[in-house]
């Protein structure tokens, strides 16, 4: 079973637990989010293999013994075959309903990173497809997806962080 780092709302480590337990009981754990961009401002959007919803360019859990940055580099390489310079642009917290079992209340604390790159090799077990999109267009479409059927919940929260970063 996959283990995750259980944290409180201030990102203080409380222990190492099974990912399924954290998600089932609504206990917060750490994830990383990476936005892969192009010079024209487009972001790479990922279609997930497991449920077909749209998600960040790359994302995943921080493994026990890892820090956020190391996990971001690992996820970017695993999911898209990319090695790139990452810049941290923010952090946040998200909750979403788990699709595996009704009633799951998943809680994630996360850091958001950005890099400019092109995808090289998609992880066949995780990534169904990717495409480039204008982040403002994605945001407008997300606002209509109340039930999180098309977009993942953390993607909605982190895209706001990314758009705020663009304004700075």
N, C-alpha and C. Protein backbone atom coordinates (compact mmCIF):
# COMPACT_ATOMS: atom_id res chain seq x y z
N UNK A 1 0.84 -1.19 0.00
CA UNK A 1 0.00 0.00 0.00
C UNK A 1 0.87 1.25 0.00
N UNK A 2 0.37 2.29 -0.64
CA UNK A 2 1.08 3.56 -0.69
C UNK A 2 0.96 4.28 0.65
N UNK A 3 2.07 4.82 1.10
CA UNK A 3 2.12 5.60 2.34
C UNK A 3 2.22 7.07 1.99
N UNK A 4 1.63 7.92 2.84
CA UNK A 4 1.69 9.36 2.67
C UNK A 4 2.07 10.01 3.99
N UNK A 5 2.44 11.28 3.90
CA UNK A 5 2.78 12.05 5.09
C UNK A 5 1.51 12.76 5.58
N UNK A 6 1.05 12.37 6.75
CA UNK A 6 -0.13 12.98 7.35
C UNK A 6 0.30 14.28 7.99
N UNK A 7 -0.40 15.39 7.67
CA UNK A 7 -0.05 16.71 8.19
C UNK A 7 -1.30 17.42 8.70
N UNK A 8 -1.06 18.43 9.56
CA UNK A 8 -2.18 19.27 9.98
C UNK A 8 -2.30 20.45 9.02
N UNK A 9 -3.23 21.36 9.28
CA UNK A 9 -3.48 22.47 8.37
C UNK A 9 -2.32 23.46 8.29
N UNK A 10 -1.35 23.34 9.21
CA UNK A 10 -0.16 24.19 9.20
C UNK A 10 1.04 23.47 8.60
N UNK A 11 0.80 22.28 8.02
CA UNK A 11 1.82 21.46 7.37
C UNK A 11 2.79 20.82 8.37
N UNK A 12 2.38 20.70 9.62
CA UNK A 12 3.18 20.00 10.63
C UNK A 12 2.94 18.50 10.46
N UNK A 13 4.03 17.74 10.38
CA UNK A 13 3.92 16.29 10.19
C UNK A 13 3.35 15.62 11.44
N UNK A 14 2.35 14.76 11.20
CA UNK A 14 1.70 14.03 12.29
C UNK A 14 2.00 12.54 12.24
N UNK A 15 2.55 12.08 11.12
CA UNK A 15 2.88 10.67 11.00
C UNK A 15 2.86 10.21 9.56
N UNK A 16 3.14 8.93 9.38
CA UNK A 16 3.10 8.28 8.07
C UNK A 16 1.93 7.30 8.12
N UNK A 17 1.01 7.42 7.15
CA UNK A 17 -0.16 6.56 7.14
C UNK A 17 -0.43 6.05 5.72
N UNK A 18 -1.32 5.10 5.61
CA UNK A 18 -1.72 4.59 4.30
C UNK A 18 -2.49 5.69 3.56
N UNK A 19 -2.22 5.85 2.27
CA UNK A 19 -2.91 6.86 1.47
C UNK A 19 -4.42 6.63 1.51
N UNK A 20 -4.84 5.40 1.39
CA UNK A 20 -6.26 5.07 1.38
C UNK A 20 -6.93 5.51 2.68
N UNK A 21 -6.25 5.33 3.81
CA UNK A 21 -6.79 5.76 5.12
C UNK A 21 -6.92 7.28 5.16
N UNK A 22 -5.88 7.98 4.70
CA UNK A 22 -5.93 9.45 4.69
C UNK A 22 -7.11 9.93 3.87
N UNK A 23 -7.28 9.37 2.68
CA UNK A 23 -8.36 9.81 1.80
C UNK A 23 -9.73 9.41 2.35
N UNK A 24 -9.83 8.22 2.89
CA UNK A 24 -11.11 7.74 3.42
C UNK A 24 -11.56 8.57 4.63
N UNK A 25 -10.58 8.96 5.48
CA UNK A 25 -10.92 9.66 6.73
C UNK A 25 -10.78 11.18 6.63
N UNK A 26 -10.42 11.68 5.45
CA UNK A 26 -10.31 13.13 5.28
C UNK A 26 -9.12 13.74 5.99
N UNK A 27 -8.07 12.92 6.21
CA UNK A 27 -6.85 13.42 6.85
C UNK A 27 -5.97 14.07 5.79
N UNK A 28 -5.40 15.20 6.11
CA UNK A 28 -4.59 15.93 5.13
C UNK A 28 -3.25 15.24 4.87
N UNK A 29 -2.88 15.23 3.60
CA UNK A 29 -1.55 14.76 3.21
C UNK A 29 -1.00 15.70 2.17
N UNK A 30 0.29 15.56 1.87
CA UNK A 30 0.99 16.48 0.99
C UNK A 30 0.99 16.02 -0.46
N UNK A 31 0.77 16.99 -1.36
CA UNK A 31 0.97 16.73 -2.79
C UNK A 31 1.77 17.89 -3.38
N UNK A 32 2.26 17.67 -4.59
CA UNK A 32 2.93 18.71 -5.36
C UNK A 32 2.18 18.89 -6.66
N UNK A 33 2.25 20.10 -7.19
CA UNK A 33 1.59 20.45 -8.44
C UNK A 33 2.60 21.18 -9.30
N UNK A 34 2.70 20.78 -10.57
CA UNK A 34 3.61 21.44 -11.50
C UNK A 34 2.82 21.90 -12.72
N UNK A 35 2.99 23.18 -13.05
CA UNK A 35 2.45 23.72 -14.29
C UNK A 35 3.58 23.82 -15.30
N UNK A 36 3.43 23.09 -16.39
CA UNK A 36 4.37 23.18 -17.51
C UNK A 36 3.79 24.21 -18.46
N UNK A 37 4.63 25.16 -18.86
CA UNK A 37 4.15 26.28 -19.67
C UNK A 37 4.94 26.42 -20.96
N UNK A 38 4.40 27.24 -21.83
CA UNK A 38 5.08 27.66 -23.05
C UNK A 38 5.28 29.18 -22.99
N UNK A 39 6.15 29.68 -23.82
CA UNK A 39 6.45 31.11 -23.85
C UNK A 39 5.20 31.95 -24.14
N UNK A 40 4.24 31.41 -24.88
CA UNK A 40 3.03 32.16 -25.21
C UNK A 40 2.02 32.21 -24.07
N UNK A 41 2.34 31.56 -22.92
CA UNK A 41 1.46 31.59 -21.76
C UNK A 41 0.57 30.39 -21.59
N UNK A 42 0.52 29.50 -22.58
CA UNK A 42 -0.31 28.30 -22.46
C UNK A 42 0.22 27.38 -21.37
N UNK A 43 -0.69 26.61 -20.78
CA UNK A 43 -0.31 25.58 -19.82
C UNK A 43 -0.62 24.21 -20.41
N UNK A 44 0.13 23.22 -19.97
CA UNK A 44 -0.11 21.85 -20.39
C UNK A 44 -1.15 21.25 -19.44
N UNK A 45 -2.25 20.77 -20.01
CA UNK A 45 -3.33 20.15 -19.23
C UNK A 45 -3.27 18.65 -19.46
N UNK A 46 -3.42 17.90 -18.38
CA UNK A 46 -3.34 16.44 -18.44
C UNK A 46 -4.74 15.83 -18.32
N UNK A 47 -5.03 14.85 -19.17
CA UNK A 47 -6.22 14.04 -19.01
C UNK A 47 -5.79 12.77 -18.28
N UNK A 48 -6.37 12.55 -17.11
CA UNK A 48 -5.96 11.42 -16.28
C UNK A 48 -6.47 10.10 -16.83
N UNK A 49 -5.66 9.09 -16.70
CA UNK A 49 -6.03 7.76 -17.18
C UNK A 49 -7.13 7.14 -16.33
N UNK A 50 -7.07 7.31 -15.01
CA UNK A 50 -7.99 6.60 -14.13
C UNK A 50 -9.44 7.05 -14.23
N UNK A 51 -9.69 8.35 -14.36
CA UNK A 51 -11.08 8.80 -14.38
C UNK A 51 -11.40 9.76 -15.53
N UNK A 52 -10.42 10.08 -16.36
CA UNK A 52 -10.65 10.92 -17.52
C UNK A 52 -10.82 12.40 -17.22
N UNK A 53 -10.71 12.77 -15.93
CA UNK A 53 -10.83 14.19 -15.60
C UNK A 53 -9.55 14.94 -15.98
N UNK A 54 -9.69 16.24 -16.09
CA UNK A 54 -8.55 17.08 -16.46
C UNK A 54 -7.84 17.55 -15.20
N UNK A 55 -6.51 17.66 -15.31
CA UNK A 55 -5.69 17.92 -14.13
C UNK A 55 -4.50 18.77 -14.51
N UNK A 56 -3.72 19.11 -13.52
CA UNK A 56 -2.49 19.88 -13.70
C UNK A 56 -1.58 19.18 -14.71
N UNK A 57 -0.53 19.86 -15.12
CA UNK A 57 0.44 19.25 -16.03
C UNK A 57 1.01 17.98 -15.40
N UNK A 58 1.42 18.08 -14.15
CA UNK A 58 1.92 16.93 -13.39
C UNK A 58 1.61 17.19 -11.93
N UNK A 59 1.35 16.13 -11.20
CA UNK A 59 1.05 16.26 -9.78
C UNK A 59 1.15 14.90 -9.12
N UNK A 60 1.32 14.91 -7.81
CA UNK A 60 1.36 13.65 -7.10
C UNK A 60 1.69 13.84 -5.64
N UNK A 61 1.62 12.76 -4.91
CA UNK A 61 1.90 12.79 -3.47
C UNK A 61 3.39 12.95 -3.19
N UNK A 62 3.66 13.60 -2.09
CA UNK A 62 5.02 13.67 -1.56
C UNK A 62 5.22 12.39 -0.77
N UNK A 63 6.21 11.62 -1.15
CA UNK A 63 6.47 10.35 -0.46
C UNK A 63 7.17 10.59 0.88
N UNK A 64 6.97 9.68 1.85
CA UNK A 64 7.70 9.79 3.10
C UNK A 64 9.21 9.88 2.82
N UNK A 65 9.88 10.81 3.49
CA UNK A 65 11.31 11.01 3.29
C UNK A 65 11.64 12.02 2.21
N UNK A 66 10.64 12.47 1.45
CA UNK A 66 10.84 13.46 0.39
C UNK A 66 10.43 14.85 0.87
N UNK A 67 11.02 15.87 0.26
CA UNK A 67 10.50 17.21 0.44
C UNK A 67 9.66 17.55 -0.78
N UNK A 68 8.98 18.68 -0.73
CA UNK A 68 8.10 19.06 -1.83
C UNK A 68 8.85 19.17 -3.16
N UNK A 69 10.00 19.85 -3.15
CA UNK A 69 10.74 20.09 -4.39
C UNK A 69 11.16 18.77 -5.04
N UNK A 70 11.70 17.86 -4.25
CA UNK A 70 12.13 16.56 -4.77
C UNK A 70 10.95 15.80 -5.37
N UNK A 71 9.81 15.85 -4.70
CA UNK A 71 8.61 15.18 -5.20
C UNK A 71 8.16 15.81 -6.51
N UNK A 72 8.22 17.14 -6.62
CA UNK A 72 7.82 17.82 -7.86
C UNK A 72 8.72 17.40 -9.02
N UNK A 73 10.00 17.34 -8.79
CA UNK A 73 10.94 16.91 -9.84
C UNK A 73 10.65 15.47 -10.25
N UNK A 74 10.39 14.60 -9.27
CA UNK A 74 10.09 13.19 -9.55
C UNK A 74 8.81 13.05 -10.36
N UNK A 75 7.75 13.72 -9.94
CA UNK A 75 6.46 13.61 -10.64
C UNK A 75 6.56 14.13 -12.07
N UNK A 76 7.27 15.23 -12.27
CA UNK A 76 7.43 15.80 -13.61
C UNK A 76 8.15 14.80 -14.52
N UNK A 77 9.18 14.15 -14.00
CA UNK A 77 9.93 13.16 -14.78
C UNK A 77 9.08 11.92 -15.03
N UNK A 78 8.40 11.41 -13.99
CA UNK A 78 7.60 10.20 -14.12
C UNK A 78 6.42 10.37 -15.09
N UNK A 79 5.70 11.48 -14.97
CA UNK A 79 4.47 11.64 -15.74
C UNK A 79 4.69 12.16 -17.15
N UNK A 80 5.70 13.04 -17.33
CA UNK A 80 5.88 13.69 -18.63
C UNK A 80 7.27 13.50 -19.24
N UNK A 81 8.17 12.81 -18.53
CA UNK A 81 9.52 12.62 -19.03
C UNK A 81 10.33 13.90 -19.08
N UNK A 82 9.98 14.86 -18.26
CA UNK A 82 10.61 16.18 -18.29
C UNK A 82 11.54 16.38 -17.09
N UNK A 83 12.71 16.92 -17.37
CA UNK A 83 13.61 17.42 -16.34
C UNK A 83 13.79 18.90 -16.65
N UNK A 84 13.43 19.76 -15.70
CA UNK A 84 13.46 21.20 -15.95
C UNK A 84 13.70 21.96 -14.65
N UNK A 85 14.06 23.21 -14.78
CA UNK A 85 14.20 24.09 -13.62
C UNK A 85 12.82 24.46 -13.12
N UNK A 86 12.57 24.22 -11.84
CA UNK A 86 11.28 24.52 -11.25
C UNK A 86 11.36 25.77 -10.38
N UNK A 87 10.30 26.56 -10.42
CA UNK A 87 10.17 27.72 -9.55
C UNK A 87 8.91 27.53 -8.71
N UNK A 88 9.04 27.65 -7.39
CA UNK A 88 7.88 27.56 -6.52
C UNK A 88 7.11 28.87 -6.61
N UNK A 89 5.78 28.77 -6.81
CA UNK A 89 4.98 30.00 -6.96
C UNK A 89 3.88 30.14 -5.91
N UNK A 90 3.69 29.14 -5.08
CA UNK A 90 2.66 29.26 -4.06
C UNK A 90 2.36 27.96 -3.38
N UNK A 91 1.43 28.05 -2.48
CA UNK A 91 1.00 26.87 -1.73
C UNK A 91 -0.47 27.02 -1.41
N UNK A 92 -1.09 25.91 -1.07
CA UNK A 92 -2.51 25.96 -0.76
C UNK A 92 -3.02 24.68 -0.15
N UNK A 93 -4.32 24.63 -0.03
CA UNK A 93 -5.00 23.46 0.56
C UNK A 93 -6.25 23.22 -0.26
N UNK A 94 -6.53 21.98 -0.54
CA UNK A 94 -7.74 21.67 -1.30
C UNK A 94 -8.42 20.44 -0.72
N UNK A 95 -9.69 20.37 -0.98
CA UNK A 95 -10.47 19.20 -0.62
C UNK A 95 -11.31 18.82 -1.81
N UNK A 96 -11.53 17.55 -1.97
CA UNK A 96 -12.41 17.11 -3.05
C UNK A 96 -13.00 15.76 -2.68
N UNK A 97 -14.08 15.44 -3.32
CA UNK A 97 -14.70 14.13 -3.12
C UNK A 97 -13.92 13.10 -3.90
N UNK A 98 -13.60 11.99 -3.26
CA UNK A 98 -12.96 10.90 -3.97
C UNK A 98 -13.96 10.21 -4.87
N UNK A 99 -13.54 9.89 -6.08
CA UNK A 99 -14.45 9.25 -7.01
C UNK A 99 -14.51 7.74 -6.80
N UNK A 100 -13.50 7.19 -6.11
CA UNK A 100 -13.45 5.75 -5.95
C UNK A 100 -14.62 5.24 -5.09
N UNK A 101 -14.91 5.97 -4.01
CA UNK A 101 -15.97 5.58 -3.09
C UNK A 101 -16.71 6.84 -2.68
N UNK A 102 -18.00 6.86 -2.83
CA UNK A 102 -18.77 8.03 -2.41
C UNK A 102 -18.52 8.32 -0.94
N UNK A 103 -18.44 9.61 -0.62
CA UNK A 103 -18.26 9.98 0.77
C UNK A 103 -16.84 10.28 1.15
N UNK A 104 -15.87 9.94 0.31
CA UNK A 104 -14.49 10.27 0.62
C UNK A 104 -14.34 11.78 0.58
N UNK A 105 -13.65 12.34 1.54
CA UNK A 105 -13.34 13.76 1.57
C UNK A 105 -11.83 13.90 1.61
N UNK A 106 -11.24 14.03 0.46
CA UNK A 106 -9.78 14.07 0.35
C UNK A 106 -9.29 15.48 0.68
N UNK A 107 -8.25 15.57 1.49
CA UNK A 107 -7.65 16.84 1.89
C UNK A 107 -6.18 16.83 1.52
N UNK A 108 -5.76 17.83 0.73
CA UNK A 108 -4.35 17.93 0.33
C UNK A 108 -3.79 19.30 0.66
N UNK A 109 -2.60 19.32 1.26
CA UNK A 109 -1.79 20.52 1.35
C UNK A 109 -0.80 20.42 0.21
N UNK A 110 -0.55 21.53 -0.48
CA UNK A 110 0.31 21.43 -1.66
C UNK A 110 1.16 22.67 -1.86
N UNK A 111 2.23 22.46 -2.63
CA UNK A 111 3.04 23.54 -3.17
C UNK A 111 2.93 23.47 -4.67
N UNK A 112 2.93 24.66 -5.30
CA UNK A 112 2.78 24.77 -6.75
C UNK A 112 4.10 25.24 -7.34
N UNK A 113 4.51 24.56 -8.41
CA UNK A 113 5.74 24.89 -9.14
C UNK A 113 5.40 25.16 -10.59
N UNK A 114 6.28 25.88 -11.26
CA UNK A 114 6.10 26.17 -12.68
C UNK A 114 7.44 25.99 -13.38
N UNK A 115 7.37 25.57 -14.65
CA UNK A 115 8.56 25.46 -15.49
C UNK A 115 8.13 25.61 -16.95
N UNK A 116 9.08 25.90 -17.78
CA UNK A 116 8.81 25.95 -19.21
C UNK A 116 9.47 24.73 -19.85
N UNK A 117 8.68 23.92 -20.53
CA UNK A 117 9.20 22.68 -21.12
C UNK A 117 8.17 22.12 -22.09
N UNK A 118 8.58 21.08 -22.79
CA UNK A 118 7.70 20.31 -23.66
C UNK A 118 7.64 18.88 -23.13
N UNK A 119 6.45 18.27 -23.13
CA UNK A 119 6.37 16.88 -22.66
C UNK A 119 7.19 15.97 -23.56
N UNK A 120 7.81 14.95 -22.96
CA UNK A 120 8.66 14.04 -23.72
C UNK A 120 8.10 12.63 -23.79
N UNK A 121 7.75 12.07 -22.65
CA UNK A 121 7.24 10.69 -22.61
C UNK A 121 6.15 10.60 -21.55
N UNK A 122 4.92 10.35 -21.98
CA UNK A 122 3.81 10.28 -21.05
C UNK A 122 3.80 8.94 -20.31
N UNK A 123 3.49 9.00 -19.01
CA UNK A 123 3.37 7.78 -18.21
C UNK A 123 2.10 7.05 -18.64
N UNK A 124 2.26 5.93 -19.28
CA UNK A 124 1.13 5.21 -19.88
C UNK A 124 0.06 4.78 -18.87
N UNK A 125 0.44 4.53 -17.64
CA UNK A 125 -0.52 4.09 -16.63
C UNK A 125 -1.28 5.24 -15.97
N UNK A 126 -0.76 6.46 -16.13
CA UNK A 126 -1.37 7.60 -15.44
C UNK A 126 -1.96 8.65 -16.37
N UNK A 127 -1.29 8.90 -17.49
CA UNK A 127 -1.63 10.03 -18.34
C UNK A 127 -2.26 9.51 -19.64
N UNK A 128 -3.53 9.83 -19.84
CA UNK A 128 -4.21 9.41 -21.06
C UNK A 128 -3.78 10.29 -22.24
N UNK A 129 -3.73 11.60 -22.00
CA UNK A 129 -3.31 12.54 -23.04
C UNK A 129 -2.98 13.88 -22.40
N UNK A 130 -2.39 14.76 -23.17
CA UNK A 130 -2.11 16.13 -22.74
C UNK A 130 -2.43 17.07 -23.89
N UNK A 131 -2.69 18.31 -23.56
CA UNK A 131 -2.89 19.34 -24.58
C UNK A 131 -2.54 20.70 -24.00
N UNK A 132 -2.25 21.65 -24.86
CA UNK A 132 -1.93 23.02 -24.45
C UNK A 132 -3.20 23.84 -24.44
N UNK A 133 -3.34 24.72 -23.43
CA UNK A 133 -4.53 25.56 -23.32
C UNK A 133 -4.19 26.89 -22.69
N UNK A 134 -4.97 27.89 -23.02
CA UNK A 134 -4.85 29.19 -22.38
C UNK A 134 -5.40 29.06 -20.96
N UNK A 135 -4.63 29.42 -19.92
CA UNK A 135 -5.10 29.22 -18.55
C UNK A 135 -6.36 30.02 -18.21
N UNK A 136 -6.55 31.17 -18.83
CA UNK A 136 -7.77 31.97 -18.58
C UNK A 136 -9.00 31.27 -19.16
N UNK A 137 -8.84 30.64 -20.32
CA UNK A 137 -9.95 29.87 -20.90
C UNK A 137 -10.29 28.67 -20.03
N UNK A 138 -9.26 28.00 -19.51
CA UNK A 138 -9.49 26.86 -18.63
C UNK A 138 -10.23 27.32 -17.37
N UNK A 139 -9.82 28.45 -16.81
CA UNK A 139 -10.46 28.98 -15.60
C UNK A 139 -11.95 29.25 -15.84
N UNK A 140 -12.28 29.88 -16.97
CA UNK A 140 -13.68 30.18 -17.29
C UNK A 140 -14.50 28.89 -17.41
N UNK A 141 -13.91 27.87 -17.98
CA UNK A 141 -14.60 26.59 -18.13
C UNK A 141 -14.76 25.89 -16.78
N UNK A 142 -13.75 26.00 -15.93
CA UNK A 142 -13.80 25.39 -14.60
C UNK A 142 -14.94 25.94 -13.76
N UNK A 143 -15.21 27.22 -13.92
CA UNK A 143 -16.26 27.85 -13.12
C UNK A 143 -17.63 27.21 -13.35
N UNK A 144 -17.80 26.53 -14.46
CA UNK A 144 -19.06 25.87 -14.78
C UNK A 144 -19.10 24.42 -14.29
N UNK A 145 -17.97 23.89 -13.83
CA UNK A 145 -17.84 22.49 -13.43
C UNK A 145 -18.03 22.34 -11.92
N UNK A 146 -19.24 22.62 -11.45
CA UNK A 146 -19.52 22.61 -10.02
C UNK A 146 -19.33 21.25 -9.35
N UNK A 147 -19.61 20.20 -10.07
CA UNK A 147 -19.58 18.86 -9.49
C UNK A 147 -18.23 18.16 -9.65
N UNK A 148 -17.24 18.88 -10.17
CA UNK A 148 -15.89 18.33 -10.37
C UNK A 148 -15.92 17.06 -11.22
N UNK A 149 -16.76 17.07 -12.22
CA UNK A 149 -16.81 15.92 -13.12
C UNK A 149 -15.77 16.03 -14.23
N UNK A 150 -15.45 17.26 -14.64
CA UNK A 150 -14.49 17.46 -15.72
C UNK A 150 -13.09 17.79 -15.20
N UNK A 151 -13.02 18.58 -14.13
CA UNK A 151 -11.74 19.02 -13.58
C UNK A 151 -11.54 18.52 -12.15
N UNK A 152 -10.32 18.17 -11.81
CA UNK A 152 -9.99 17.76 -10.45
C UNK A 152 -10.06 18.96 -9.52
N UNK A 153 -10.46 18.72 -8.28
CA UNK A 153 -10.63 19.80 -7.31
C UNK A 153 -9.36 20.59 -7.04
N UNK A 154 -8.24 19.91 -6.85
CA UNK A 154 -6.99 20.63 -6.58
C UNK A 154 -6.56 21.47 -7.77
N UNK A 155 -6.90 21.05 -8.97
CA UNK A 155 -6.58 21.82 -10.17
C UNK A 155 -7.29 23.17 -10.10
N UNK A 156 -8.53 23.15 -9.66
CA UNK A 156 -9.29 24.39 -9.55
C UNK A 156 -8.64 25.35 -8.55
N UNK A 157 -8.22 24.84 -7.42
CA UNK A 157 -7.61 25.67 -6.39
C UNK A 157 -6.25 26.19 -6.85
N UNK A 158 -5.44 25.32 -7.42
CA UNK A 158 -4.09 25.73 -7.80
C UNK A 158 -4.05 26.63 -9.03
N UNK A 159 -5.03 26.50 -9.92
CA UNK A 159 -5.03 27.37 -11.10
C UNK A 159 -5.20 28.82 -10.69
N UNK A 160 -5.97 29.07 -9.64
CA UNK A 160 -6.11 30.44 -9.12
C UNK A 160 -4.75 30.95 -8.63
N UNK A 161 -3.98 30.10 -7.98
CA UNK A 161 -2.63 30.48 -7.52
C UNK A 161 -1.76 30.80 -8.71
N UNK A 162 -1.85 29.97 -9.76
CA UNK A 162 -1.06 30.19 -10.96
C UNK A 162 -1.45 31.50 -11.65
N UNK A 163 -2.74 31.77 -11.78
CA UNK A 163 -3.20 33.00 -12.42
C UNK A 163 -2.77 34.23 -11.60
N UNK A 164 -2.82 34.14 -10.29
CA UNK A 164 -2.33 35.24 -9.44
C UNK A 164 -0.83 35.46 -9.64
N UNK A 165 -0.09 34.39 -9.82
CA UNK A 165 1.35 34.47 -10.09
C UNK A 165 1.61 35.22 -11.39
N UNK A 166 0.79 35.01 -12.41
CA UNK A 166 0.95 35.68 -13.69
C UNK A 166 0.79 37.19 -13.58
N UNK A 167 -0.07 37.63 -12.67
CA UNK A 167 -0.35 39.05 -12.48
C UNK A 167 0.83 39.78 -11.85
N UNK A 168 1.58 39.08 -11.02
CA UNK A 168 2.70 39.71 -10.28
C UNK A 168 3.82 40.16 -11.18
